[in-house]
Amino acid sequence: MGHYDGVAAARSPVRSHDPAGPLRRAGRKVGRALHLPFTGTAKGIRKATHAHGAGESGLGKLIELHAVNGAGDVMITVALASTVFFSVPTDEARGRVALYLAVTMAPFTLLAPVIGPLLDRIPHGRRAAMAGAMLTRAVLAIMMSGAVATGGLELYPAALGVLVASKAYGVVRSAVVPRLLPPNFSLVKANSRVTLAGLLATGIAAPIGAGLQLIGPGWPLYGACALFLLGTFWALRMPHKVDSAKGERRAHLLTHGEKKPSLRTVGPSVLHGLQANAAQRMLSGFLIFFLAFLLREHPLSGQSAAVSLGIVGVAAGTGNACGTAAGSLLRDRGHGPEVIIATMISVVLGTAVCAAIFFGGLMVAVLVAVAGLTQALSKLSLDALIQRDVPELVRTSAFARSETALQMAWVVGGGIGIALPLNGTLGMAVAAGILGVGALLAVRGLLSAARSRPGPKGRSKAKVA
């Protein structure tokens, strides 16, 4: 009996008499309550990014890496916009942005064609290349944090470095995606998921960057540095198979004979699709710079300049996200990529013409939203054409060349937007003209190529979606 009492006493909840016991339990409950939203959110994000086999193939890791990349880039954009654009009067801002284009974008147009061929030479170092692009931007963000308050000339070479590193990451990422496709997963669907993750991360990071800007001009750059350091670590943890380049060769935009495969040798669809996408990317660069100054000088009715720019930015982001999300629906219903691209550039051209004729705040917002939607769908369809028509031997290199060409088109459009007088009707007419040229070059060829292709049974082996 005494032994039983001793055991019972040993098993009795002695801590109930300890006043620190309830406090510890309460502390653990509070900790779990505070921790749950973060762990729950992280688990939800991981479940979404790793769904449908993306976790097993490694695509989920690339999706998360691209989200970090987009968030870091938008932090730098917020810091530069506050220095180059918002902190000075309109006339001085135009001069600063023109200087920014001259010092960063102009050299970039010369460097961009070199990026793809350079990265082609290190196919077995794609993880290191992505990590290097992330680390480079982390270091440059810290360097820019000291000059961002004054907007001195030393800011612009660093901004050029960020631009080049960002493009290098984008080229490598395009080459990596085909290596990480889950079973029964198309390249277009994978690109759509990666792009959508970047858009969502950008939308989340933009207000955070604006909040950090209120603390100090360098704080968004500190945030960008932290994100890029995280991206460096995640890039190195990508699956080893992304470094595989078995059987690959380089593609060229121009034909150099049959021994060097090029985009011209795979049929007209890819070339015409690239022309239509270049026109829409040029429109994107034009609208960004032209509307930034136009709405600052002439805001939307009843709104401030900042709110007007915010409305246009939300419209563009919403249109882009909707286009990315709608891409899989259109493909699943059997719409050919040539028809989609031709339809999209025709739709945005018609919208631009209406915006020029009936210029006003509402039409500007509609044009920006439609441009975002059609650009997203056209880009996904261009990816489908490259997947379908470009041989696997040169497919990843073809993605690099197309991305470089589209970036250069954006730069040209941005330069036109800076140089144009701040007249809304004139600006929308120029936008329509840009799209008109693209439509004339591409639409007829796209539709002819679509009609000449065999029916669904004949192209069952060329999986588009």
Protein backbone atom coordinates (compact mmCIF):
# COMPACT_ATOMS: atom_id res chain seq x y z
CA MET A 1 0.00 0.00 0.00
CA GLY A 2 2.78 2.36 0.85
CA HIS A 3 4.47 1.52 -2.40
CA TYR A 4 1.23 2.25 -4.31
CA ASP A 5 0.84 5.56 -2.55
CA GLY A 6 4.40 6.46 -3.47
CA VAL A 7 3.83 5.63 -7.12
CA ALA A 8 0.53 7.52 -7.16
CA ALA A 9 2.20 10.50 -5.61
CA ALA A 10 4.94 10.38 -8.20
CA ARG A 11 2.34 10.30 -10.98
CA SER A 12 0.14 13.03 -9.49
CA PRO A 13 0.08 16.37 -11.35
CA VAL A 14 2.45 18.16 -9.00
CA ARG A 15 2.85 21.00 -11.53
CA SER A 16 -0.75 22.03 -10.83
CA HIS A 17 0.55 23.41 -7.56
CA ASP A 18 3.38 25.16 -9.41
CA PRO A 19 2.26 28.70 -10.28
CA ALA A 20 4.65 28.71 -13.25
CA GLY A 21 2.88 25.70 -14.85
CA PRO A 22 -0.27 27.51 -16.05
CA LEU A 23 1.89 30.39 -17.26
CA ARG A 24 4.01 28.04 -19.33
CA ARG A 25 0.94 26.38 -20.82
CA ALA A 26 -0.62 29.75 -21.59
CA GLY A 27 2.63 30.91 -23.19
CA ARG A 28 2.75 27.82 -25.39
CA LYS A 29 -0.86 28.38 -26.48
CA VAL A 30 -0.16 32.02 -27.33
CA GLY A 31 2.97 31.01 -29.23
CA ARG A 32 1.04 28.43 -31.24
CA ALA A 33 -1.71 30.98 -31.95
CA LEU A 34 0.84 33.53 -33.21
CA HIS A 35 2.80 30.92 -35.12
CA LEU A 36 -0.18 29.29 -36.81
CA PRO A 37 -0.97 32.05 -39.35
CA PHE A 38 2.62 32.00 -40.63
CA THR A 39 3.02 28.21 -40.69
CA GLY A 40 -0.48 27.81 -42.12
CA THR A 41 0.23 30.34 -44.85
CA ALA A 42 3.58 28.73 -45.63
CA LYS A 43 1.99 25.29 -45.83
CA GLY A 44 -0.77 26.65 -48.09
CA ILE A 45 1.76 28.27 -50.42
CA ARG A 46 3.86 25.11 -50.49
CA LYS A 47 0.78 23.00 -51.23
CA ALA A 48 -0.18 25.28 -54.15
CA THR A 49 3.30 25.52 -55.66
CA HIS A 50 3.97 21.79 -55.34
CA ALA A 51 0.58 20.60 -56.67
CA HIS A 52 0.10 18.24 -59.65
CA GLY A 53 3.56 16.72 -59.39
CA ALA A 54 5.43 20.05 -59.32
CA GLY A 55 6.92 19.17 -55.94
CA GLU A 56 8.36 15.86 -57.11
CA SER A 57 9.75 17.26 -60.36
CA GLY A 58 11.34 20.34 -58.77
CA LEU A 59 9.10 22.82 -60.59
CA GLY A 60 7.64 23.91 -57.25
CA LYS A 61 11.06 25.13 -56.13
CA LEU A 62 11.43 27.16 -59.32
CA ILE A 63 7.96 28.67 -58.80
CA GLU A 64 8.95 29.79 -55.29
CA LEU A 65 12.31 31.08 -56.53
CA HIS A 66 10.59 33.14 -59.23
CA ALA A 67 8.23 34.62 -56.65
CA VAL A 68 11.25 35.77 -54.61
CA ASN A 69 12.80 37.18 -57.79
CA GLY A 70 9.68 39.19 -58.62
CA ALA A 71 9.36 40.52 -55.07
CA GLY A 72 12.99 41.63 -55.00
CA ASP A 73 12.77 43.35 -58.38
CA VAL A 74 9.68 45.31 -57.39
CA MET A 75 11.40 46.48 -54.18
CA ILE A 76 14.18 47.97 -56.29
CA THR A 77 11.62 49.48 -58.65
CA VAL A 78 9.86 51.20 -55.74
CA ALA A 79 13.14 52.68 -54.52
CA LEU A 80 14.17 53.92 -57.97
CA ALA A 81 10.72 55.31 -58.78
CA SER A 82 10.70 57.32 -55.58
CA THR A 83 14.11 58.80 -56.39
CA VAL A 84 13.96 59.23 -60.14
CA PHE A 85 10.28 60.07 -60.55
CA PHE A 86 8.28 61.12 -57.49
CA SER A 87 10.81 63.20 -55.56
CA VAL A 88 11.23 65.96 -58.17
CA PRO A 89 8.99 68.17 -60.37
CA THR A 90 7.65 66.71 -63.61
CA ASP A 91 10.09 68.44 -65.96
CA GLU A 92 13.07 67.39 -63.87
CA ALA A 93 11.63 63.89 -63.55
CA ARG A 94 11.46 63.54 -67.33
CA GLY A 95 15.11 64.51 -67.50
CA ARG A 96 16.03 62.00 -64.81
CA VAL A 97 14.11 59.18 -66.46
CA ALA A 98 15.63 60.06 -69.83
CA LEU A 99 19.04 59.90 -68.16
CA TYR A 100 18.08 56.58 -66.63
CA LEU A 101 17.18 55.24 -70.08
CA ALA A 102 20.38 56.60 -71.62
CA VAL A 103 22.69 55.28 -68.90
CA THR A 104 20.99 51.94 -68.29
CA MET A 105 18.61 50.94 -71.08
CA ALA A 106 20.77 52.02 -74.01
CA PRO A 107 23.80 49.96 -72.90
CA PHE A 108 21.41 47.15 -72.07
CA THR A 109 20.23 46.98 -75.69
CA LEU A 110 23.86 46.30 -76.60
CA LEU A 111 24.42 43.80 -73.79
CA ALA A 112 21.12 41.94 -74.14
CA PRO A 113 22.04 40.07 -77.35
CA VAL A 114 25.22 38.88 -75.64
CA ILE A 115 23.47 37.46 -72.56
CA GLY A 116 21.85 34.50 -74.31
CA PRO A 117 24.94 33.25 -76.17
CA LEU A 118 27.07 33.76 -73.04
CA LEU A 119 24.72 31.69 -70.91
CA ASP A 120 24.55 29.04 -73.63
CA ARG A 121 28.23 28.40 -72.93
CA ILE A 122 27.56 27.42 -69.31
CA PRO A 123 24.61 25.01 -69.61
CA HIS A 124 26.00 22.87 -66.78
CA GLY A 125 26.02 25.82 -64.37
CA ARG A 126 22.41 26.98 -64.45
CA ARG A 127 21.95 26.78 -60.69
CA ALA A 128 25.14 28.75 -60.19
CA ALA A 129 24.07 31.25 -62.87
CA MET A 130 20.69 31.88 -61.17
CA ALA A 131 22.37 32.11 -57.76
CA GLY A 132 24.96 34.52 -59.20
CA ALA A 133 22.23 36.72 -60.67
CA MET A 134 20.50 36.82 -57.29
CA LEU A 135 23.70 37.52 -55.34
CA THR A 136 24.74 40.25 -57.79
CA ARG A 137 21.46 42.08 -57.25
CA ALA A 138 21.77 41.69 -53.47
CA VAL A 139 25.18 43.38 -53.54
CA LEU A 140 24.04 46.09 -55.96
CA ALA A 141 20.97 46.82 -53.83
CA ILE A 142 23.23 47.60 -50.87
CA MET A 143 25.45 49.77 -53.09
CA MET A 144 22.40 51.66 -54.36
CA SER A 145 21.05 52.27 -50.86
CA GLY A 146 23.69 54.92 -50.24
CA ALA A 147 23.00 56.84 -53.47
CA VAL A 148 19.23 56.46 -53.76
CA ALA A 149 18.49 59.46 -51.53
CA THR A 150 20.46 61.89 -53.72
CA GLY A 151 19.86 60.30 -57.13
CA GLY A 152 23.49 60.78 -58.08
CA LEU A 153 25.04 59.45 -61.26
CA GLU A 154 26.60 56.54 -59.37
CA LEU A 155 23.08 55.15 -59.01
CA TYR A 156 22.70 54.43 -62.71
CA PRO A 157 25.56 51.99 -63.35
CA ALA A 158 24.28 49.95 -60.42
CA ALA A 159 20.78 50.07 -61.89
CA LEU A 160 22.20 48.80 -65.19
CA GLY A 161 23.84 45.95 -63.33
CA VAL A 162 20.53 45.07 -61.71
CA LEU A 163 18.83 45.11 -65.10
CA VAL A 164 21.42 42.85 -66.69
CA ALA A 165 21.37 40.43 -63.74
CA SER A 166 17.59 40.31 -63.83
CA LYS A 167 17.60 39.51 -67.54
CA ALA A 168 20.28 36.86 -67.04
CA TYR A 169 18.10 35.20 -64.41
CA GLY A 170 15.10 35.33 -66.77
CA VAL A 171 17.01 33.70 -69.61
CA VAL A 172 18.32 30.89 -67.39
CA ARG A 173 14.88 30.39 -65.85
CA SER A 174 13.39 29.92 -69.33
CA ALA A 175 16.02 27.28 -70.04
CA VAL A 176 15.41 25.53 -66.72
CA VAL A 177 11.63 25.09 -67.01
CA PRO A 178 11.73 22.28 -69.62
CA ARG A 179 13.99 20.27 -67.31
CA LEU A 180 11.48 20.38 -64.45
CA LEU A 181 8.21 19.45 -66.18
CA PRO A 182 6.05 17.02 -64.18
CA PRO A 183 4.44 14.10 -66.05
CA ASN A 184 1.64 15.20 -68.43
CA PHE A 185 2.58 18.83 -67.84
CA SER A 186 3.02 21.13 -70.84
CA LEU A 187 5.73 23.75 -71.03
CA VAL A 188 3.11 26.45 -71.49
CA LYS A 189 1.23 25.38 -68.37
CA ALA A 190 4.46 25.33 -66.38
CA ASN A 191 5.41 28.81 -67.62
CA SER A 192 1.92 30.04 -66.78
CA ARG A 193 2.24 28.81 -63.20
CA VAL A 194 5.71 30.31 -62.79
CA THR A 195 4.60 33.65 -64.25
CA LEU A 196 1.50 33.81 -62.08
CA ALA A 197 3.59 33.22 -58.96
CA GLY A 198 5.82 36.14 -59.93
CA LEU A 199 2.82 38.39 -60.51
CA LEU A 200 1.27 37.52 -57.14
CA ALA A 201 4.57 38.09 -55.35
CA THR A 202 4.97 41.44 -57.10
CA GLY A 203 1.48 42.51 -56.01
CA ILE A 204 2.25 41.59 -52.41
CA ALA A 205 5.74 43.12 -52.32
CA ALA A 206 4.82 46.47 -53.94
CA PRO A 207 2.83 47.86 -50.96
CA ILE A 208 5.42 46.43 -48.56
CA GLY A 209 8.11 48.29 -50.48
CA ALA A 210 6.03 51.48 -50.36
CA GLY A 211 5.71 51.07 -46.60
CA LEU A 212 9.47 50.59 -46.25
CA GLN A 213 9.95 53.73 -48.34
CA LEU A 214 8.15 55.69 -45.63
CA ILE A 215 10.82 54.61 -43.14
CA GLY A 216 13.65 55.74 -45.37
CA PRO A 217 14.69 55.79 -49.06
CA GLY A 218 17.14 52.95 -48.59
CA TRP A 219 14.82 50.55 -46.80
CA PRO A 220 13.18 49.02 -49.91
CA LEU A 221 16.70 48.22 -51.10
CA TYR A 222 17.50 46.53 -47.79
CA GLY A 223 14.36 44.45 -48.28
CA ALA A 224 15.44 43.61 -51.82
CA CYS A 225 18.87 42.56 -50.57
CA ALA A 226 17.31 40.18 -48.04
CA LEU A 227 15.05 38.66 -50.69
CA PHE A 228 17.88 38.17 -53.18
CA LEU A 229 20.06 36.54 -50.52
CA LEU A 230 17.22 34.11 -49.87
CA GLY A 231 16.94 33.57 -53.62
CA THR A 232 20.68 32.82 -53.83
CA PHE A 233 20.27 30.06 -51.26
CA TRP A 234 17.17 28.64 -52.94
CA ALA A 235 18.79 28.69 -56.40
CA LEU A 236 21.66 26.55 -55.17
CA ARG A 237 19.13 24.08 -53.74
CA MET A 238 17.45 23.50 -57.10
CA PRO A 239 17.51 19.89 -58.40
CA HIS A 240 20.75 18.81 -60.06
CA LYS A 241 18.94 17.96 -63.28
CA VAL A 242 18.51 21.66 -64.15
CA ASP A 243 22.22 21.65 -65.00
CA SER A 244 21.73 18.92 -67.58
CA ALA A 245 22.24 20.05 -71.17
CA LYS A 246 22.42 16.68 -72.88
CA GLY A 247 21.93 17.01 -76.64
CA GLU A 248 21.33 20.78 -76.66
CA ARG A 249 22.64 23.18 -79.29
CA ARG A 250 22.34 26.91 -79.75
CA ALA A 251 19.63 28.61 -81.82
CA HIS A 252 20.01 31.81 -83.83
CA LEU A 253 17.47 34.40 -84.90
CA LEU A 254 19.09 34.53 -88.34
CA THR A 255 19.71 31.64 -90.70
CA HIS A 256 23.35 30.58 -91.07
CA GLY A 257 22.89 27.42 -93.06
CA GLU A 258 21.39 24.07 -92.23
CA LYS A 259 24.13 23.09 -89.76
CA LYS A 260 23.07 25.84 -87.36
CA PRO A 261 19.35 25.53 -86.56
CA SER A 262 17.56 28.87 -86.24
CA LEU A 263 14.10 30.23 -85.50
CA ARG A 264 13.60 30.81 -89.22
CA THR A 265 14.14 27.14 -90.03
CA VAL A 266 11.21 25.87 -87.94
CA GLY A 267 8.40 27.52 -89.91
CA PRO A 268 6.72 30.93 -89.97
CA SER A 269 4.58 30.55 -86.85
CA VAL A 270 7.35 31.24 -84.33
CA LEU A 271 8.70 34.22 -86.26
CA HIS A 272 5.26 35.81 -86.72
CA GLY A 273 4.36 35.04 -83.11
CA LEU A 274 7.54 36.78 -82.00
CA GLN A 275 6.73 39.82 -84.16
CA ALA A 276 3.26 40.15 -82.62
CA ASN A 277 4.63 39.71 -79.11
CA ALA A 278 7.35 42.28 -79.76
CA ALA A 279 4.71 44.84 -80.77
CA GLN A 280 2.75 44.18 -77.59
CA ARG A 281 5.89 44.32 -75.44
CA MET A 282 6.79 47.61 -77.11
CA LEU A 283 3.31 48.85 -76.22
CA SER A 284 3.94 47.83 -72.60
CA GLY A 285 7.14 49.86 -72.37
CA PHE A 286 5.48 52.81 -74.08
CA LEU A 287 2.46 52.85 -71.76
CA ILE A 288 4.56 52.56 -68.62
CA PHE A 289 6.65 55.63 -69.34
CA PHE A 290 4.14 57.73 -71.24
CA LEU A 291 1.29 57.28 -68.75
CA ALA A 292 3.61 57.78 -65.79
CA PHE A 293 4.26 61.36 -66.89
CA LEU A 294 0.87 62.03 -68.45
CA LEU A 295 -1.05 61.05 -65.30
CA ARG A 296 1.31 62.98 -63.09
CA GLU A 297 0.65 66.13 -65.09
CA HIS A 298 -3.00 65.35 -65.88
CA PRO A 299 -4.41 62.94 -63.27
CA LEU A 300 -7.65 61.02 -63.71
CA SER A 301 -10.74 63.10 -62.98
CA GLY A 302 -11.11 63.72 -59.25
CA GLN A 303 -7.95 61.79 -58.33
CA SER A 304 -4.42 62.69 -57.34
CA ALA A 305 -1.44 61.75 -59.47
CA ALA A 306 -0.41 58.94 -57.09
CA VAL A 307 -3.93 57.48 -57.00
CA SER A 308 -4.21 57.74 -60.80
CA LEU A 309 -0.97 55.84 -61.26
CA GLY A 310 -2.14 53.30 -58.68
CA ILE A 311 -5.42 52.72 -60.56
CA VAL A 312 -3.58 52.20 -63.84
CA GLY A 313 -1.06 49.89 -62.16
CA VAL A 314 -3.82 47.77 -60.60
CA ALA A 315 -5.61 47.58 -63.97
CA ALA A 316 -2.43 46.39 -65.68
CA GLY A 317 -1.67 43.83 -62.99
CA THR A 318 -5.24 42.52 -62.97
CA GLY A 319 -5.29 42.17 -66.74
CA ASN A 320 -1.94 40.36 -66.74
CA ALA A 321 -3.01 37.96 -63.99
CA CYS A 322 -6.34 37.25 -65.70
CA GLY A 323 -4.59 36.57 -69.00
CA THR A 324 -2.14 34.20 -67.35
CA ALA A 325 -4.93 32.36 -65.54
CA ALA A 326 -7.12 32.18 -68.67
CA GLY A 327 -4.38 30.72 -70.85
CA SER A 328 -4.91 27.13 -69.75
CA LEU A 329 -8.68 27.39 -70.33
CA LEU A 330 -8.24 28.52 -73.93
CA ARG A 331 -5.66 25.85 -74.65
CA ASP A 332 -7.74 23.12 -73.07
CA ARG A 333 -10.52 23.96 -75.53
CA GLY A 334 -8.21 23.39 -78.47
CA HIS A 335 -7.59 26.95 -79.65
CA GLY A 336 -4.42 27.10 -81.73
CA PRO A 337 -1.67 29.40 -80.45
CA GLU A 338 -1.48 31.18 -83.83
CA VAL A 339 -5.17 32.09 -83.63
CA ILE A 340 -4.83 33.23 -80.02
CA ILE A 341 -1.90 35.56 -80.81
CA ALA A 342 -3.64 36.99 -83.90
CA THR A 343 -6.83 37.53 -81.91
CA MET A 344 -5.04 39.16 -78.98
CA ILE A 345 -3.10 41.71 -81.02
CA SER A 346 -6.27 42.52 -82.98
CA VAL A 347 -8.25 43.05 -79.76
CA VAL A 348 -5.68 45.33 -78.16
CA LEU A 349 -5.27 47.23 -81.45
CA GLY A 350 -9.01 47.89 -81.56
CA THR A 351 -8.93 49.02 -77.92
CA ALA A 352 -6.03 51.40 -78.60
CA VAL A 353 -7.90 52.92 -81.55
CA CYS A 354 -10.95 53.47 -79.33
CA ALA A 355 -8.72 55.01 -76.64
CA ALA A 356 -7.33 57.46 -79.21
CA ILE A 357 -10.79 58.43 -80.49
CA PHE A 358 -12.56 58.56 -77.12
CA PHE A 359 -9.63 59.51 -74.94
CA GLY A 360 -10.39 59.68 -71.24
CA GLY A 361 -9.53 58.15 -67.88
CA LEU A 362 -11.85 55.19 -68.31
CA MET A 363 -10.51 54.32 -71.76
CA VAL A 364 -6.93 54.57 -70.51
CA ALA A 365 -7.67 52.12 -67.69
CA VAL A 366 -9.45 49.78 -70.12
CA LEU A 367 -6.54 49.89 -72.57
CA VAL A 368 -4.01 49.14 -69.85
CA ALA A 369 -6.07 46.20 -68.56
CA VAL A 370 -6.63 44.80 -72.05
CA ALA A 371 -2.94 45.25 -72.88
CA GLY A 372 -1.97 43.28 -69.78
CA LEU A 373 -4.41 40.48 -70.56
CA THR A 374 -3.54 40.18 -74.25
CA GLN A 375 0.19 40.37 -73.63
CA ALA A 376 0.00 37.51 -71.12
CA LEU A 377 -2.04 35.30 -73.45
CA SER A 378 0.16 36.11 -76.44
CA LYS A 379 3.33 35.29 -74.50
CA LEU A 380 1.93 31.96 -73.31
CA SER A 381 0.94 31.15 -76.90
CA LEU A 382 4.41 32.09 -78.16
CA ASP A 383 5.82 29.66 -75.60
CA ALA A 384 3.46 27.02 -77.03
CA LEU A 385 4.72 27.68 -80.55
CA ILE A 386 8.35 27.35 -79.47
CA GLN A 387 7.52 24.14 -77.64
CA ARG A 388 5.71 22.74 -80.66
CA ASP A 389 7.84 23.92 -83.57
CA VAL A 390 11.39 24.29 -82.25
CA PRO A 391 13.36 21.03 -81.99
CA GLU A 392 14.33 20.02 -78.47
CA LEU A 393 17.99 20.34 -79.46
CA VAL A 394 17.68 24.14 -79.64
CA ARG A 395 14.48 24.84 -77.70
CA THR A 396 16.02 26.29 -74.54
CA SER A 397 18.32 28.50 -76.60
CA ALA A 398 15.32 29.68 -78.64
CA PHE A 399 13.61 30.77 -75.43
CA ALA A 400 16.70 32.81 -74.53
CA ARG A 401 16.74 34.53 -77.92
CA SER A 402 13.03 35.33 -77.86
CA GLU A 403 13.23 36.76 -74.34
CA THR A 404 16.10 39.01 -75.37
CA ALA A 405 14.22 40.25 -78.44
CA LEU A 406 11.12 41.03 -76.36
CA GLN A 407 13.16 42.92 -73.78
CA MET A 408 14.73 45.06 -76.47
CA ALA A 409 11.27 45.82 -77.87
CA TRP A 410 10.21 46.99 -74.41
CA VAL A 411 13.22 49.32 -74.25
CA VAL A 412 12.36 50.86 -77.62
CA GLY A 413 8.74 51.41 -76.54
CA GLY A 414 9.89 53.03 -73.31
CA GLY A 415 12.15 55.40 -75.22
CA ILE A 416 9.25 56.48 -77.44
CA GLY A 417 7.12 57.07 -74.35
CA ILE A 418 9.75 59.35 -72.83
CA ALA A 419 10.25 61.42 -75.97
CA LEU A 420 6.58 61.94 -76.85
CA PRO A 421 4.78 65.17 -75.83
CA LEU A 422 2.25 64.75 -73.03
CA ASN A 423 -0.84 64.70 -75.20
CA GLY A 424 -3.23 61.88 -74.41
CA THR A 425 -4.86 61.55 -77.80
CA LEU A 426 -1.48 61.66 -79.55
CA GLY A 427 -0.10 59.04 -77.17
CA MET A 428 -2.96 56.62 -77.76
CA ALA A 429 -2.62 57.15 -81.52
CA VAL A 430 1.06 56.24 -81.28
CA ALA A 431 0.13 53.16 -79.23
CA ALA A 432 -2.32 52.15 -81.95
CA GLY A 433 0.36 52.73 -84.57
CA ILE A 434 2.83 50.44 -82.78
CA LEU A 435 0.23 47.69 -82.63
CA GLY A 436 -0.84 48.33 -86.21
CA VAL A 437 2.66 47.68 -87.48
CA GLY A 438 2.84 44.47 -85.48
CA ALA A 439 -0.55 43.34 -86.74
CA LEU A 440 0.43 44.02 -90.37
CA LEU A 441 3.62 42.00 -89.97
CA ALA A 442 2.16 39.07 -88.07
CA VAL A 443 -1.60 38.49 -88.27
CA ARG A 444 -1.85 37.33 -91.88
CA GLY A 445 1.10 34.99 -91.51
CA LEU A 446 -0.24 33.56 -88.25
CA LEU A 447 -3.66 32.83 -89.69
CA SER A 448 -2.16 31.33 -92.84
CA ALA A 449 0.07 29.09 -90.76
CA ALA A 450 -2.90 28.04 -88.63
CA ARG A 451 -4.96 27.12 -91.71
CA SER A 452 -2.10 25.14 -93.25
CA ARG A 453 -1.60 22.95 -90.19
CA PRO A 454 -3.37 19.55 -90.00
CA GLY A 455 -6.44 19.07 -87.84
CA PRO A 456 -6.42 17.97 -84.20
CA LYS A 457 -5.81 14.34 -85.17
CA GLY A 458 -2.83 15.30 -87.26
CA ARG A 459 -1.22 17.34 -84.56
CA SER A 460 -1.98 15.06 -81.64
CA LYS A 461 1.69 14.30 -81.35
CA ALA A 462 2.62 17.97 -81.15
CA LYS A 463 1.21 18.63 -77.73
CA VAL A 464 0.48 22.30 -77.23
CA ALA A 465 -1.32 22.22 -73.91
